[in-house]
Amino acid sequence: MSFLTLIQKFGGGKQPTGTPSLGWSCVVVIVSLLTGASVVHNIFKPDLTLPPVESLGTKSDQQEKQ
């Protein structure tokens, strides 16, 4: 038996069927993450507002004001 006959007999070298490409896998992962985040935020409705900033100055700026 030749090597080629063995490969054909035992199915070696065939492309697997149903394997998604890397691009589609990335798209599916991103869509799944965004969908999950959307569901969680619709259920829990977190308050994502930032607190007001009182002062952005440094210590030297605060001393000059006094």
PDB file of N, CA and C in Angstrom:
ATOM      1  N   MET A   1       0.843  -1.187   0.000  1.00  0.00           N
ATOM      2  CA  MET A   1       0.000   0.000   0.000  1.00  0.00           C
ATOM      3  C   MET A   1       0.878   1.237   0.000  1.00  0.00           C
ATOM      4  N   SER A   2       0.453   2.187  -0.763  1.00  0.00           N
ATOM      5  CA  SER A   2       1.200   3.428  -0.801  1.00  0.00           C
ATOM      6  C   SER A   2       0.666   4.372   0.282  1.00  0.00           C
ATOM      7  N   PHE A   3       1.423   5.394   0.543  1.00  0.00           N
ATOM      8  CA  PHE A   3       1.050   6.385   1.560  1.00  0.00           C
ATOM      9  C   PHE A   3      -0.250   7.084   1.205  1.00  0.00           C
ATOM     10  N   LEU A   4      -0.429   7.407  -0.069  1.00  0.00           N
ATOM     11  CA  LEU A   4      -1.638   8.082  -0.523  1.00  0.00           C
ATOM     12  C   LEU A   4      -2.869   7.213  -0.311  1.00  0.00           C
ATOM     13  N   THR A   5      -2.736   5.928  -0.520  1.00  0.00           N
ATOM     14  CA  THR A   5      -3.853   5.008  -0.312  1.00  0.00           C
ATOM     15  C   THR A   5      -4.224   4.951   1.164  1.00  0.00           C
ATOM     16  N   LEU A   6      -3.235   4.944   2.045  1.00  0.00           N
ATOM     17  CA  LEU A   6      -3.512   4.925   3.481  1.00  0.00           C
ATOM     18  C   LEU A   6      -4.237   6.195   3.926  1.00  0.00           C
ATOM     19  N   ILE A   7      -3.813   7.333   3.380  1.00  0.00           N
ATOM     20  CA  ILE A   7      -4.465   8.593   3.743  1.00  0.00           C
ATOM     21  C   ILE A   7      -5.926   8.577   3.305  1.00  0.00           C
ATOM     22  N   GLN A   8      -6.177   8.126   2.081  1.00  0.00           N
ATOM     23  CA  GLN A   8      -7.550   8.091   1.579  1.00  0.00           C
ATOM     24  C   GLN A   8      -8.384   7.061   2.339  1.00  0.00           C
ATOM     25  N   LYS A   9      -7.789   5.943   2.719  1.00  0.00           N
ATOM     26  CA  LYS A   9      -8.531   4.880   3.389  1.00  0.00           C
ATOM     27  C   LYS A   9      -8.962   5.298   4.789  1.00  0.00           C
ATOM     28  N   PHE A  10      -8.075   5.955   5.515  1.00  0.00           N
ATOM     29  CA  PHE A  10      -8.382   6.324   6.892  1.00  0.00           C
ATOM     30  C   PHE A  10      -8.872   7.756   7.052  1.00  0.00           C
ATOM     31  N   GLY A  11      -9.112   8.431   5.963  1.00  0.00           N
ATOM     32  CA  GLY A  11      -9.719   9.761   6.015  1.00  0.00           C
ATOM     33  C   GLY A  11      -8.774  10.874   6.400  1.00  0.00           C
ATOM     34  N   GLY A  12      -7.502  10.685   6.343  1.00  0.00           N
ATOM     35  CA  GLY A  12      -6.558  11.738   6.696  1.00  0.00           C
ATOM     36  C   GLY A  12      -6.544  12.844   5.665  1.00  0.00           C
ATOM     37  N   GLY A  13      -6.296  14.032   6.097  1.00  0.00           N
ATOM     38  CA  GLY A  13      -6.184  15.156   5.190  1.00  0.00           C
ATOM     39  C   GLY A  13      -7.498  15.788   4.802  1.00  0.00           C
ATOM     40  N   LYS A  14      -8.612  15.280   5.305  1.00  0.00           N
ATOM     41  CA  LYS A  14      -9.898  15.894   4.989  1.00  0.00           C
ATOM     42  C   LYS A  14     -10.105  17.123   5.865  1.00  0.00           C
ATOM     43  N   GLN A  15     -10.715  18.127   5.303  1.00  0.00           N
ATOM     44  CA  GLN A  15     -11.027  19.325   6.069  1.00  0.00           C
ATOM     45  C   GLN A  15     -12.201  19.032   6.995  1.00  0.00           C
ATOM     46  N   PRO A  16     -12.116  19.454   8.243  1.00  0.00           N
ATOM     47  CA  PRO A  16     -13.254  19.255   9.141  1.00  0.00           C
ATOM     48  C   PRO A  16     -14.427  20.123   8.691  1.00  0.00           C
ATOM     49  N   THR A  17     -15.607  19.596   8.807  1.00  0.00           N
ATOM     50  CA  THR A  17     -16.790  20.335   8.381  1.00  0.00           C
ATOM     51  C   THR A  17     -17.408  21.035   9.586  1.00  0.00           C
ATOM     52  N   GLY A  18     -18.007  22.176   9.349  1.00  0.00           N
ATOM     53  CA  GLY A  18     -18.684  22.892  10.407  1.00  0.00           C
ATOM     54  C   GLY A  18     -17.762  23.708  11.299  1.00  0.00           C
ATOM     55  N   THR A  19     -16.521  23.868  10.938  1.00  0.00           N
ATOM     56  CA  THR A  19     -15.603  24.666  11.744  1.00  0.00           C
ATOM     57  C   THR A  19     -15.690  26.122  11.302  1.00  0.00           C
ATOM     58  N   PRO A  20     -16.078  27.026  12.222  1.00  0.00           N
ATOM     59  CA  PRO A  20     -16.198  28.430  11.817  1.00  0.00           C
ATOM     60  C   PRO A  20     -14.832  29.069  11.627  1.00  0.00           C
ATOM     61  N   SER A  21     -14.806  30.089  10.820  1.00  0.00           N
ATOM     62  CA  SER A  21     -13.556  30.798  10.597  1.00  0.00           C
ATOM     63  C   SER A  21     -13.249  31.684  11.798  1.00  0.00           C
ATOM     64  N   LEU A  22     -12.037  32.155  11.887  1.00  0.00           N
ATOM     65  CA  LEU A  22     -11.625  33.010  13.002  1.00  0.00           C
ATOM     66  C   LEU A  22     -12.416  34.312  13.020  1.00  0.00           C
ATOM     67  N   GLY A  23     -12.689  34.857  11.850  1.00  0.00           N
ATOM     68  CA  GLY A  23     -13.456  36.105  11.776  1.00  0.00           C
ATOM     69  C   GLY A  23     -14.847  35.960  12.354  1.00  0.00           C
ATOM     70  N   TRP A  24     -15.541  34.895  11.959  1.00  0.00           N
ATOM     71  CA  TRP A  24     -16.895  34.668  12.480  1.00  0.00           C
ATOM     72  C   TRP A  24     -16.872  34.375  13.970  1.00  0.00           C
ATOM     73  N   SER A  25     -15.839  33.688  14.423  1.00  0.00           N
ATOM     74  CA  SER A  25     -15.726  33.405  15.856  1.00  0.00           C
ATOM     75  C   SER A  25     -15.596  34.702  16.642  1.00  0.00           C
ATOM     76  N   CYS A  26     -14.781  35.621  16.157  1.00  0.00           N
ATOM     77  CA  CYS A  26     -14.622  36.915  16.834  1.00  0.00           C
ATOM     78  C   CYS A  26     -15.929  37.691  16.852  1.00  0.00           C
ATOM     79  N   VAL A  27     -16.634  37.692  15.746  1.00  0.00           N
ATOM     80  CA  VAL A  27     -17.918  38.397  15.675  1.00  0.00           C
ATOM     81  C   VAL A  27     -18.907  37.799  16.663  1.00  0.00           C
ATOM     82  N   VAL A  28     -18.971  36.497  16.738  1.00  0.00           N
ATOM     83  CA  VAL A  28     -19.905  35.832  17.647  1.00  0.00           C
ATOM     84  C   VAL A  28     -19.557  36.152  19.097  1.00  0.00           C
ATOM     85  N   VAL A  29     -18.280  36.158  19.431  1.00  0.00           N
ATOM     86  CA  VAL A  29     -17.863  36.457  20.809  1.00  0.00           C
ATOM     87  C   VAL A  29     -18.229  37.886  21.180  1.00  0.00           C
ATOM     88  N   ILE A  30     -17.959  38.838  20.298  1.00  0.00           N
ATOM     89  CA  ILE A  30     -18.252  40.248  20.604  1.00  0.00           C
ATOM     90  C   ILE A  30     -19.750  40.471  20.738  1.00  0.00           C
ATOM     91  N   VAL A  31     -20.533  39.904  19.834  1.00  0.00           N
ATOM     92  CA  VAL A  31     -21.995  40.055  19.910  1.00  0.00           C
ATOM     93  C   VAL A  31     -22.531  39.415  21.183  1.00  0.00           C
ATOM     94  N   SER A  32     -21.992  38.274  21.568  1.00  0.00           N
ATOM     95  CA  SER A  32     -22.431  37.612  22.799  1.00  0.00           C
ATOM     96  C   SER A  32     -22.122  38.462  24.026  1.00  0.00           C
ATOM     97  N   LEU A  33     -20.924  39.055  24.075  1.00  0.00           N
ATOM     98  CA  LEU A  33     -20.564  39.903  25.213  1.00  0.00           C
ATOM     99  C   LEU A  33     -21.458  41.138  25.298  1.00  0.00           C
ATOM    100  N   LEU A  34     -21.709  41.769  24.154  1.00  0.00           N
ATOM    101  CA  LEU A  34     -22.558  42.956  24.154  1.00  0.00           C
ATOM    102  C   LEU A  34     -23.993  42.613  24.533  1.00  0.00           C
ATOM    103  N   THR A  35     -24.486  41.476  24.075  1.00  0.00           N
ATOM    104  CA  THR A  35     -25.841  41.055  24.413  1.00  0.00           C
ATOM    105  C   THR A  35     -25.946  40.763  25.905  1.00  0.00           C
ATOM    106  N   GLY A  36     -24.950  40.082  26.446  1.00  0.00           N
ATOM    107  CA  GLY A  36     -24.952  39.783  27.881  1.00  0.00           C
ATOM    108  C   GLY A  36     -24.909  41.048  28.715  1.00  0.00           C
ATOM    109  N   ALA A  37     -24.089  42.012  28.321  1.00  0.00           N
ATOM    110  CA  ALA A  37     -24.009  43.275  29.057  1.00  0.00           C
ATOM    111  C   ALA A  37     -25.332  44.027  28.969  1.00  0.00           C
ATOM    112  N   SER A  38     -25.961  43.984  27.820  1.00  0.00           N
ATOM    113  CA  SER A  38     -27.246  44.657  27.656  1.00  0.00           C
ATOM    114  C   SER A  38     -28.304  44.045  28.564  1.00  0.00           C
ATOM    115  N   VAL A  39     -28.334  42.735  28.624  1.00  0.00           N
ATOM    116  CA  VAL A  39     -29.317  42.053  29.479  1.00  0.00           C
ATOM    117  C   VAL A  39     -29.079  42.397  30.945  1.00  0.00           C
ATOM    118  N   VAL A  40     -27.829  42.344  31.389  1.00  0.00           N
ATOM    119  CA  VAL A  40     -27.511  42.639  32.786  1.00  0.00           C
ATOM    120  C   VAL A  40     -27.872  44.077  33.125  1.00  0.00           C
ATOM    121  N   HIS A  41     -27.563  45.024  32.239  1.00  0.00           N
ATOM    122  CA  HIS A  41     -27.867  46.419  32.526  1.00  0.00           C
ATOM    123  C   HIS A  41     -29.366  46.701  32.458  1.00  0.00           C
ATOM    124  N   ASN A  42     -30.119  45.939  31.703  1.00  0.00           N
ATOM    125  CA  ASN A  42     -31.570  46.115  31.696  1.00  0.00           C
ATOM    126  C   ASN A  42     -32.194  45.553  32.963  1.00  0.00           C
ATOM    127  N   ILE A  43     -31.590  44.538  33.547  1.00  0.00           N
ATOM    128  CA  ILE A  43     -32.137  43.945  34.770  1.00  0.00           C
ATOM    129  C   ILE A  43     -31.744  44.771  35.990  1.00  0.00           C
ATOM    130  N   PHE A  44     -30.465  45.086  36.151  1.00  0.00           N
ATOM    131  CA  PHE A  44     -29.984  45.742  37.362  1.00  0.00           C
ATOM    132  C   PHE A  44     -30.013  47.267  37.296  1.00  0.00           C
ATOM    133  N   LYS A  45     -29.989  47.853  36.115  1.00  0.00           N
ATOM    134  CA  LYS A  45     -30.018  49.294  35.891  1.00  0.00           C
ATOM    135  C   LYS A  45     -29.056  50.043  36.815  1.00  0.00           C
ATOM    136  N   PRO A  46     -27.746  49.821  36.650  1.00  0.00           N
ATOM    137  CA  PRO A  46     -26.776  50.486  37.527  1.00  0.00           C
ATOM    138  C   PRO A  46     -26.673  51.985  37.244  1.00  0.00           C
ATOM    139  N   ASP A  47     -26.349  52.769  38.278  1.00  0.00           N
ATOM    140  CA  ASP A  47     -26.155  54.200  38.136  1.00  0.00           C
ATOM    141  C   ASP A  47     -24.699  54.442  37.756  1.00  0.00           C
ATOM    142  N   LEU A  48     -24.461  54.808  36.516  1.00  0.00           N
ATOM    143  CA  LEU A  48     -23.107  54.970  36.017  1.00  0.00           C
ATOM    144  C   LEU A  48     -22.682  56.432  35.924  1.00  0.00           C
ATOM    145  N   THR A  49     -23.395  57.331  36.641  1.00  0.00           N
ATOM    146  CA  THR A  49     -23.011  58.734  36.599  1.00  0.00           C
ATOM    147  C   THR A  49     -21.754  58.956  37.431  1.00  0.00           C
ATOM    148  N   LEU A  50     -20.940  59.877  36.971  1.00  0.00           N
ATOM    149  CA  LEU A  50     -19.709  60.203  37.688  1.00  0.00           C
ATOM    150  C   LEU A  50     -19.997  61.274  38.734  1.00  0.00           C
ATOM    151  N   PRO A  51     -19.366  61.195  39.888  1.00  0.00           N
ATOM    152  CA  PRO A  51     -19.578  62.235  40.897  1.00  0.00           C
ATOM    153  C   PRO A  51     -18.980  63.559  40.426  1.00  0.00           C
ATOM    154  N   PRO A  52     -19.533  64.692  40.885  1.00  0.00           N
ATOM    155  CA  PRO A  52     -18.992  65.984  40.447  1.00  0.00           C
ATOM    156  C   PRO A  52     -17.571  66.173  40.971  1.00  0.00           C
ATOM    157  N   VAL A  53     -16.767  66.837  40.173  1.00  0.00           N
ATOM    158  CA  VAL A  53     -15.384  67.108  40.545  1.00  0.00           C
ATOM    159  C   VAL A  53     -15.354  68.431  41.303  1.00  0.00           C
ATOM    160  N   GLU A  54     -14.865  68.411  42.545  1.00  0.00           N
ATOM    161  CA  GLU A  54     -14.844  69.626  43.353  1.00  0.00           C
ATOM    162  C   GLU A  54     -13.675  70.522  42.977  1.00  0.00           C
ATOM    163  N   SER A  55     -12.493  69.911  42.861  1.00  0.00           N
ATOM    164  CA  SER A  55     -11.328  70.720  42.539  1.00  0.00           C
ATOM    165  C   SER A  55     -10.306  69.859  41.825  1.00  0.00           C
ATOM    166  N   LEU A  56      -9.789  70.398  40.764  1.00  0.00           N
ATOM    167  CA  LEU A  56      -8.753  69.683  40.030  1.00  0.00           C
ATOM    168  C   LEU A  56      -7.378  70.297  40.271  1.00  0.00           C
ATOM    169  N   GLY A  57      -7.309  71.343  41.080  1.00  0.00           N
ATOM    170  CA  GLY A  57      -6.053  72.048  41.311  1.00  0.00           C
ATOM    171  C   GLY A  57      -5.114  71.251  42.208  1.00  0.00           C
ATOM    172  N   THR A  58      -3.855  71.661  42.194  1.00  0.00           N
ATOM    173  CA  THR A  58      -2.845  71.015  43.040  1.00  0.00           C
ATOM    174  C   THR A  58      -2.783  71.750  44.379  1.00  0.00           C
ATOM    175  N   LYS A  59      -1.936  71.286  45.278  1.00  0.00           N
ATOM    176  CA  LYS A  59      -1.803  71.917  46.597  1.00  0.00           C
ATOM    177  C   LYS A  59      -1.300  73.345  46.475  1.00  0.00           C
ATOM    178  N   SER A  60      -0.405  73.594  45.556  1.00  0.00           N
ATOM    179  CA  SER A  60       0.123  74.950  45.394  1.00  0.00           C
ATOM    180  C   SER A  60      -0.972  75.907  44.916  1.00  0.00           C
ATOM    181  N   ASP A  61      -1.866  75.426  44.056  1.00  0.00           N
ATOM    182  CA  ASP A  61      -2.988  76.249  43.589  1.00  0.00           C
ATOM    183  C   ASP A  61      -3.931  76.570  44.747  1.00  0.00           C
ATOM    184  N   GLN A  62      -4.166  75.609  45.623  1.00  0.00           N
ATOM    185  CA  GLN A  62      -5.062  75.826  46.755  1.00  0.00           C
ATOM    186  C   GLN A  62      -4.444  76.800  47.755  1.00  0.00           C
ATOM    187  N   GLN A  63      -3.142  76.763  47.934  1.00  0.00           N
ATOM    188  CA  GLN A  63      -2.482  77.677  48.855  1.00  0.00           C
ATOM    189  C   GLN A  63      -2.504  79.094  48.323  1.00  0.00           C
ATOM    190  N   GLU A  64      -2.405  79.279  47.010  1.00  0.00           N
ATOM    191  CA  GLU A  64      -2.436  80.606  46.405  1.00  0.00           C
ATOM    192  C   GLU A  64      -3.803  81.242  46.579  1.00  0.00           C
ATOM    193  N   LYS A  65      -4.872  80.432  46.566  1.00  0.00           N
ATOM    194  CA  LYS A  65      -6.232  80.963  46.715  1.00  0.00           C
ATOM    195  C   LYS A  65      -6.470  81.476  48.130  1.00  0.00           C
ATOM    196  N   GLN A  66      -5.783  80.923  49.116  1.00  0.00           N
ATOM    197  CA  GLN A  66      -5.990  81.338  50.502  1.00  0.00           C
ATOM    198  C   GLN A  66      -5.246  82.569  50.745  1.00  0.00           C
TER     199      GLN A  66
END
